[in-house]
Amino acid sequence: MVQVKQDVCDFCGTCVSVCPVDAIELLEAVLIIDQEKCIDCMKCVIVCPLRALEGTK
C-alpha cells in the first residue's frame, strides 16, 4: 500500500506518469492514490524526488 505525505508533495506529477495502472490522480493541490487500482509496484515511490510517497505493509 502506498501512502502520500501531502505536506511534502509538491504536486510535480512524476509519480502519475510512471504508474502502470493509472492509480494516481493529481487534483489541484491533492494527490490521490486509488488503493483498489494500485498494484504496489512501488514505481511511484522510487521516482518521487521529494520522497513524498512511501510504501507501507
Protein backbone atom coordinates (compact mmCIF):
# COMPACT_ATOMS: atom_id res chain seq x y z
CA MET A 1 0.00 0.00 0.00
CA VAL A 2 1.36 3.41 -0.96
CA GLN A 3 0.69 6.45 1.20
CA VAL A 4 1.14 10.12 0.30
CA LYS A 5 2.75 12.64 2.62
CA GLN A 6 0.61 15.56 1.42
CA ASP A 7 2.67 18.09 3.38
CA VAL A 8 5.83 17.02 1.49
CA CYS A 9 4.39 16.58 -2.03
CA ASP A 10 4.93 19.49 -4.44
CA PHE A 11 2.48 18.00 -6.98
CA CYS A 12 5.08 17.65 -9.74
CA GLY A 13 3.22 14.69 -11.30
CA THR A 14 6.26 12.45 -11.73
CA CYS A 15 4.51 9.61 -9.92
CA VAL A 16 1.41 9.96 -12.10
CA SER A 17 3.46 9.47 -15.26
CA VAL A 18 5.08 6.20 -14.11
CA CYS A 19 2.03 4.44 -12.68
CA PRO A 20 1.31 1.45 -14.95
CA VAL A 21 -2.33 1.14 -13.84
CA ASP A 22 -3.30 4.84 -13.64
CA ALA A 23 -3.98 4.59 -9.91
CA ILE A 24 -2.65 8.08 -9.12
CA GLU A 25 -4.62 11.25 -9.73
CA LEU A 26 -3.47 14.81 -9.24
CA LEU A 27 -6.28 17.19 -8.35
CA GLU A 28 -5.12 20.79 -7.82
CA ALA A 29 -3.24 20.52 -4.51
CA VAL A 30 -4.07 16.92 -3.62
CA LEU A 31 -2.52 13.67 -4.78
CA ILE A 32 -4.90 10.71 -4.63
CA ILE A 33 -3.94 7.06 -4.90
CA ASP A 34 -6.76 4.67 -5.71
CA GLN A 35 -5.85 1.76 -3.43
CA GLU A 36 -8.15 -0.61 -5.33
CA LYS A 37 -6.27 0.01 -8.60
CA CYS A 38 -2.79 0.17 -7.04
CA ILE A 39 -0.72 -2.99 -7.60
CA ASP A 40 2.04 -1.98 -5.14
CA CYS A 41 4.75 -1.95 -7.80
CA MET A 42 6.42 0.95 -5.93
CA LYS A 43 7.45 2.73 -9.14
CA CYS A 44 5.92 5.95 -7.82
CA VAL A 45 7.82 5.63 -4.54
CA ILE A 46 11.11 5.12 -6.38
CA VAL A 47 10.76 8.12 -8.73
CA CYS A 48 9.43 10.67 -6.23
CA PRO A 49 12.14 13.34 -5.96
CA LEU A 50 10.88 14.53 -2.56
CA ARG A 51 10.15 11.13 -1.01
CA ALA A 52 6.56 12.18 -0.54
CA LEU A 53 5.35 8.66 -1.21
CA GLU A 54 6.05 5.65 0.94
CA GLY A 55 5.16 2.02 0.75
CA THR A 56 3.51 0.50 3.80
CA LYS A 57 2.55 -3.03 4.70
